[in-house]
Amino acid sequence: MVKEMNCIEKMLTRKSIRKYKKEHVSESVLNNILEAGRRSPSAVNTQPWHFVVIRDQEAKKACSFGGYNEFTSEADFIVVGLYKPSEVIMERLTLMDVTIALQNMVTAAWLQGVGCCWIGAWNDTKLRDTLNLPADSKIVGLVTFGIPDEDPVQQPKKSLNEIVHLDKW
């Protein structure tokens, strides 16, 4: 009998997936992922985020950057997280808020069997033009999503005693 993992055990197995099967994530799972972002906490409940969901193949290609991130075209969909400075109280808080929302999507995806990978490098002009983004918007990050077609080894992480400082450094 296979033991089902609880949420914490499942979260601790998360890893970046860069190879995806050619099958679609169901609409209900996609909606759960987007809801996880929408329901994220934000400073003063401003909810400053905007998300562009990319399924179009040409738009997915616009998310790659040089020789990096070529796997973006294999993803079932990509979420671009952004904000408009005119709609925010403090940009530093807004940057965190959008990042938290994207990470909530990453966690929601993984818990439902969907793999994903953060994208930190993109051609800003190409992406803006392709997605017709507002000129005053600021892109925070991109995340690819899809049904995993690989099971990479989880990269080693530093131990807690290397990174946690109690009460002072």
C-alpha atoms as a PDB file:
ATOM      1  CA  MET A   1       0.000   0.000   0.000  1.00  0.00           C
ATOM      2  CA  VAL A   2       1.415   3.395  -1.025  1.00  0.00           C
ATOM      3  CA  LYS A   3       1.447   5.953   1.774  1.00  0.00           C
ATOM      4  CA  GLU A   4      -0.042   9.266   0.736  1.00  0.00           C
ATOM      5  CA  MET A   5       2.130  12.241   1.675  1.00  0.00           C
ATOM      6  CA  ASN A   6       0.738  15.029   3.801  1.00  0.00           C
ATOM      7  CA  CYS A   7       1.127  18.610   2.593  1.00  0.00           C
ATOM      8  CA  ILE A   8       4.348  19.324   4.498  1.00  0.00           C
ATOM      9  CA  GLU A   9       6.015  16.132   3.282  1.00  0.00           C
ATOM     10  CA  LYS A  10       4.933  16.952  -0.268  1.00  0.00           C
ATOM     11  CA  MET A  11       6.168  20.562  -0.034  1.00  0.00           C
ATOM     12  CA  LEU A  12       9.565  19.379   1.177  1.00  0.00           C
ATOM     13  CA  THR A  13       9.956  17.310  -2.021  1.00  0.00           C
ATOM     14  CA  ARG A  14       9.445  20.296  -4.351  1.00  0.00           C
ATOM     15  CA  LYS A  15      12.033  20.760  -7.058  1.00  0.00           C
ATOM     16  CA  SER A  16      12.340  22.731 -10.267  1.00  0.00           C
ATOM     17  CA  ILE A  17      10.924  20.923 -13.291  1.00  0.00           C
ATOM     18  CA  ARG A  18      12.203  21.867 -16.725  1.00  0.00           C
ATOM     19  CA  LYS A  19      10.800  19.019 -18.793  1.00  0.00           C
ATOM     20  CA  TYR A  20       7.066  18.600 -19.260  1.00  0.00           C
ATOM     21  CA  LYS A  21       4.748  16.031 -20.807  1.00  0.00           C
ATOM     22  CA  LYS A  22       2.669  17.096 -23.783  1.00  0.00           C
ATOM     23  CA  GLU A  23      -0.555  16.998 -21.827  1.00  0.00           C
ATOM     24  CA  HIS A  24      -2.641  19.795 -20.434  1.00  0.00           C
ATOM     25  CA  VAL A  25      -3.134  20.705 -16.822  1.00  0.00           C
ATOM     26  CA  SER A  26      -6.884  20.506 -16.159  1.00  0.00           C
ATOM     27  CA  GLU A  27      -8.842  23.751 -15.941  1.00  0.00           C
ATOM     28  CA  SER A  28      -9.803  22.993 -12.314  1.00  0.00           C
ATOM     29  CA  VAL A  29      -6.146  22.538 -11.329  1.00  0.00           C
ATOM     30  CA  LEU A  30      -5.170  25.692 -13.245  1.00  0.00           C
ATOM     31  CA  ASN A  31      -7.925  27.595 -11.436  1.00  0.00           C
ATOM     32  CA  ASN A  32      -6.689  26.278  -8.068  1.00  0.00           C
ATOM     33  CA  ILE A  33      -3.200  27.520  -8.918  1.00  0.00           C
ATOM     34  CA  LEU A  34      -4.488  30.967  -9.870  1.00  0.00           C
ATOM     35  CA  GLU A  35      -6.737  31.094  -6.794  1.00  0.00           C
ATOM     36  CA  ALA A  36      -3.721  30.347  -4.589  1.00  0.00           C
ATOM     37  CA  GLY A  37      -2.084  33.454  -6.050  1.00  0.00           C
ATOM     38  CA  ARG A  38      -5.203  35.587  -5.788  1.00  0.00           C
ATOM     39  CA  ARG A  39      -5.732  34.685  -2.145  1.00  0.00           C
ATOM     40  CA  SER A  40      -2.150  35.485  -1.141  1.00  0.00           C
ATOM     41  CA  PRO A  41      -1.461  38.002   1.594  1.00  0.00           C
ATOM     42  CA  SER A  42      -0.460  41.522   0.638  1.00  0.00           C
ATOM     43  CA  ALA A  43       0.530  44.668   2.503  1.00  0.00           C
ATOM     44  CA  VAL A  44      -2.600  46.520   3.624  1.00  0.00           C
ATOM     45  CA  ASN A  45      -4.555  44.011   1.471  1.00  0.00           C
ATOM     46  CA  THR A  46      -3.744  46.045  -1.644  1.00  0.00           C
ATOM     47  CA  GLN A  47      -3.584  42.931  -3.857  1.00  0.00           C
ATOM     48  CA  PRO A  48      -1.315  44.747  -6.329  1.00  0.00           C
ATOM     49  CA  TRP A  49      -0.673  41.820  -8.626  1.00  0.00           C
ATOM     50  CA  HIS A  50      -1.633  41.160 -12.192  1.00  0.00           C
ATOM     51  CA  PHE A  51      -1.024  37.783 -13.826  1.00  0.00           C
ATOM     52  CA  VAL A  52      -0.748  36.956 -17.507  1.00  0.00           C
ATOM     53  CA  VAL A  53      -1.374  33.268 -18.240  1.00  0.00           C
ATOM     54  CA  ILE A  54       0.424  32.238 -21.408  1.00  0.00           C
ATOM     55  CA  ARG A  55      -0.670  29.202 -23.409  1.00  0.00           C
ATOM     56  CA  ASP A  56       0.148  30.485 -26.901  1.00  0.00           C
ATOM     57  CA  GLN A  57       3.280  28.815 -28.292  1.00  0.00           C
ATOM     58  CA  GLU A  58       4.813  31.991 -29.722  1.00  0.00           C
ATOM     59  CA  ALA A  59       4.228  33.849 -26.464  1.00  0.00           C
ATOM     60  CA  LYS A  60       5.872  30.978 -24.555  1.00  0.00           C
ATOM     61  CA  LYS A  61       8.924  31.284 -26.794  1.00  0.00           C
ATOM     62  CA  ALA A  62       9.100  34.996 -25.944  1.00  0.00           C
ATOM     63  CA  CYS A  63       9.700  33.949 -22.325  1.00  0.00           C
ATOM     64  CA  SER A  64      13.032  32.314 -23.141  1.00  0.00           C
ATOM     65  CA  PHE A  65      16.212  34.332 -22.891  1.00  0.00           C
ATOM     66  CA  GLY A  66      19.105  33.565 -25.191  1.00  0.00           C
ATOM     67  CA  GLY A  67      20.314  30.039 -24.518  1.00  0.00           C
ATOM     68  CA  TYR A  68      18.576  30.013 -21.157  1.00  0.00           C
ATOM     69  CA  ASN A  69      15.048  28.871 -20.422  1.00  0.00           C
ATOM     70  CA  GLU A  70      14.510  27.249 -23.825  1.00  0.00           C
ATOM     71  CA  PHE A  71      12.247  24.770 -22.035  1.00  0.00           C
ATOM     72  CA  THR A  72       9.589  27.489 -21.683  1.00  0.00           C
ATOM     73  CA  SER A  73       8.029  26.328 -24.958  1.00  0.00           C
ATOM     74  CA  GLU A  74       7.496  22.843 -23.446  1.00  0.00           C
ATOM     75  CA  ALA A  75       5.449  24.137 -20.502  1.00  0.00           C
ATOM     76  CA  ASP A  76       1.683  23.767 -20.633  1.00  0.00           C
ATOM     77  CA  PHE A  77       1.371  27.355 -19.459  1.00  0.00           C
ATOM     78  CA  ILE A  78       3.436  30.173 -17.993  1.00  0.00           C
ATOM     79  CA  VAL A  79       2.336  32.757 -15.463  1.00  0.00           C
ATOM     80  CA  VAL A  80       3.895  36.208 -15.613  1.00  0.00           C
ATOM     81  CA  GLY A  81       3.516  38.139 -12.360  1.00  0.00           C
ATOM     82  CA  LEU A  82       3.618  41.908 -12.550  1.00  0.00           C
ATOM     83  CA  TYR A  83       2.356  45.112 -11.000  1.00  0.00           C
ATOM     84  CA  LYS A  84       1.732  48.719 -11.971  1.00  0.00           C
ATOM     85  CA  PRO A  85       3.569  51.253  -9.767  1.00  0.00           C
ATOM     86  CA  SER A  86       0.622  53.642 -10.054  1.00  0.00           C
ATOM     87  CA  GLU A  87      -1.502  51.106  -8.160  1.00  0.00           C
ATOM     88  CA  VAL A  88       0.810  50.547  -5.197  1.00  0.00           C
ATOM     89  CA  ILE A  89       1.612  52.103  -1.842  1.00  0.00           C
ATOM     90  CA  MET A  90       5.278  51.078  -1.626  1.00  0.00           C
ATOM     91  CA  GLU A  91       7.123  49.318  -4.427  1.00  0.00           C
ATOM     92  CA  ARG A  92       9.292  47.264  -2.081  1.00  0.00           C
ATOM     93  CA  LEU A  93       6.212  45.783  -0.427  1.00  0.00           C
ATOM     94  CA  THR A  94       4.548  45.243  -3.779  1.00  0.00           C
ATOM     95  CA  LEU A  95       7.566  43.351  -5.112  1.00  0.00           C
ATOM     96  CA  MET A  96       7.286  41.038  -2.103  1.00  0.00           C
ATOM     97  CA  ASP A  97       3.516  40.704  -2.498  1.00  0.00           C
ATOM     98  CA  VAL A  98       3.744  39.589  -6.135  1.00  0.00           C
ATOM     99  CA  THR A  99       6.592  37.210  -5.269  1.00  0.00           C
ATOM    100  CA  ILE A 100       4.525  35.670  -2.460  1.00  0.00           C
ATOM    101  CA  ALA A 101       1.567  35.238  -4.832  1.00  0.00           C
ATOM    102  CA  LEU A 102       3.742  33.491  -7.420  1.00  0.00           C
ATOM    103  CA  GLN A 103       5.239  31.235  -4.745  1.00  0.00           C
ATOM    104  CA  ASN A 104       1.745  30.338  -3.539  1.00  0.00           C
ATOM    105  CA  MET A 105       1.017  29.265  -7.116  1.00  0.00           C
ATOM    106  CA  VAL A 106       4.203  27.168  -7.157  1.00  0.00           C
ATOM    107  CA  THR A 107       3.163  25.426  -3.938  1.00  0.00           C
ATOM    108  CA  ALA A 108      -0.432  24.889  -5.096  1.00  0.00           C
ATOM    109  CA  ALA A 109       0.852  23.406  -8.342  1.00  0.00           C
ATOM    110  CA  TRP A 110       3.266  21.001  -6.658  1.00  0.00           C
ATOM    111  CA  LEU A 111       0.618  19.818  -4.185  1.00  0.00           C
ATOM    112  CA  GLN A 112      -1.589  18.922  -7.173  1.00  0.00           C
ATOM    113  CA  GLY A 113       1.123  17.067  -9.098  1.00  0.00           C
ATOM    114  CA  VAL A 114       2.032  19.929 -11.429  1.00  0.00           C
ATOM    115  CA  GLY A 115       5.691  20.790 -11.872  1.00  0.00           C
ATOM    116  CA  CYS A 116       7.021  24.281 -12.290  1.00  0.00           C
ATOM    117  CA  CYS A 117      10.139  26.368 -12.541  1.00  0.00           C
ATOM    118  CA  TRP A 118      10.855  29.984 -11.655  1.00  0.00           C
ATOM    119  CA  ILE A 119      12.243  32.049 -14.529  1.00  0.00           C
ATOM    120  CA  GLY A 120      14.460  34.939 -13.536  1.00  0.00           C
ATOM    121  CA  ALA A 121      15.861  36.020 -16.906  1.00  0.00           C
ATOM    122  CA  TRP A 122      13.866  37.316 -19.855  1.00  0.00           C
ATOM    123  CA  ASN A 123      14.093  39.836 -22.666  1.00  0.00           C
ATOM    124  CA  ASP A 124      11.967  42.611 -21.208  1.00  0.00           C
ATOM    125  CA  THR A 125      11.229  44.409 -24.482  1.00  0.00           C
ATOM    126  CA  LYS A 126      10.369  41.222 -26.360  1.00  0.00           C
ATOM    127  CA  LEU A 127       8.119  39.954 -23.561  1.00  0.00           C
ATOM    128  CA  ARG A 128       6.353  43.309 -23.165  1.00  0.00           C
ATOM    129  CA  ASP A 129       5.735  43.598 -26.894  1.00  0.00           C
ATOM    130  CA  THR A 130       4.543  40.005 -27.254  1.00  0.00           C
ATOM    131  CA  LEU A 131       2.160  40.198 -24.281  1.00  0.00           C
ATOM    132  CA  ASN A 132       1.090  43.796 -24.929  1.00  0.00           C
ATOM    133  CA  LEU A 133       1.925  44.723 -21.335  1.00  0.00           C
ATOM    134  CA  PRO A 134       1.179  48.230 -20.062  1.00  0.00           C
ATOM    135  CA  ALA A 135       4.208  50.500 -20.442  1.00  0.00           C
ATOM    136  CA  ASP A 136       4.251  51.316 -16.728  1.00  0.00           C
ATOM    137  CA  SER A 137       4.056  47.687 -15.552  1.00  0.00           C
ATOM    138  CA  LYS A 138       6.944  45.987 -13.771  1.00  0.00           C
ATOM    139  CA  ILE A 139       7.531  42.277 -14.364  1.00  0.00           C
ATOM    140  CA  VAL A 140       8.444  40.496 -11.124  1.00  0.00           C
ATOM    141  CA  GLY A 141       8.895  36.965 -12.406  1.00  0.00           C
ATOM    142  CA  LEU A 142       7.730  34.141 -14.619  1.00  0.00           C
ATOM    143  CA  VAL A 143       6.856  30.580 -13.657  1.00  0.00           C
ATOM    144  CA  THR A 144       6.472  27.679 -16.089  1.00  0.00           C
ATOM    145  CA  PHE A 145       3.902  24.985 -15.252  1.00  0.00           C
ATOM    146  CA  GLY A 146       3.148  21.537 -16.635  1.00  0.00           C
ATOM    147  CA  ILE A 147       2.870  17.838 -15.968  1.00  0.00           C
ATOM    148  CA  PRO A 148       6.411  16.697 -15.052  1.00  0.00           C
ATOM    149  CA  ASP A 149       8.257  14.514 -17.541  1.00  0.00           C
ATOM    150  CA  GLU A 150      11.315  14.181 -15.322  1.00  0.00           C
ATOM    151  CA  ASP A 151      12.140  13.465 -11.723  1.00  0.00           C
ATOM    152  CA  PRO A 152      15.382  15.320 -11.106  1.00  0.00           C
ATOM    153  CA  VAL A 153      17.362  14.888  -7.938  1.00  0.00           C
ATOM    154  CA  GLN A 154      16.469  17.575  -5.445  1.00  0.00           C
ATOM    155  CA  GLN A 155      19.412  19.931  -5.106  1.00  0.00           C
ATOM    156  CA  PRO A 156      21.121  19.857  -1.702  1.00  0.00           C
ATOM    157  CA  LYS A 157      20.127  22.607   0.693  1.00  0.00           C
ATOM    158  CA  LYS A 158      22.090  24.162   3.518  1.00  0.00           C
ATOM    159  CA  SER A 159      21.330  22.797   6.966  1.00  0.00           C
ATOM    160  CA  LEU A 160      19.161  24.831   9.324  1.00  0.00           C
ATOM    161  CA  ASN A 161      22.085  25.445  11.671  1.00  0.00           C
ATOM    162  CA  GLU A 162      23.921  27.169   8.787  1.00  0.00           C
ATOM    163  CA  ILE A 163      21.125  29.628   8.040  1.00  0.00           C
ATOM    164  CA  VAL A 164      19.002  30.116  11.178  1.00  0.00           C
ATOM    165  CA  HIS A 165      20.104  32.545  13.866  1.00  0.00           C
ATOM    166  CA  LEU A 166      18.122  32.673  17.072  1.00  0.00           C
ATOM    167  CA  ASP A 167      17.514  36.140  18.517  1.00  0.00           C
ATOM    168  CA  LYS A 168      20.759  37.482  17.071  1.00  0.00           C
ATOM    169  CA  TRP A 169      23.410  36.570  14.495  1.00  0.00           C
END
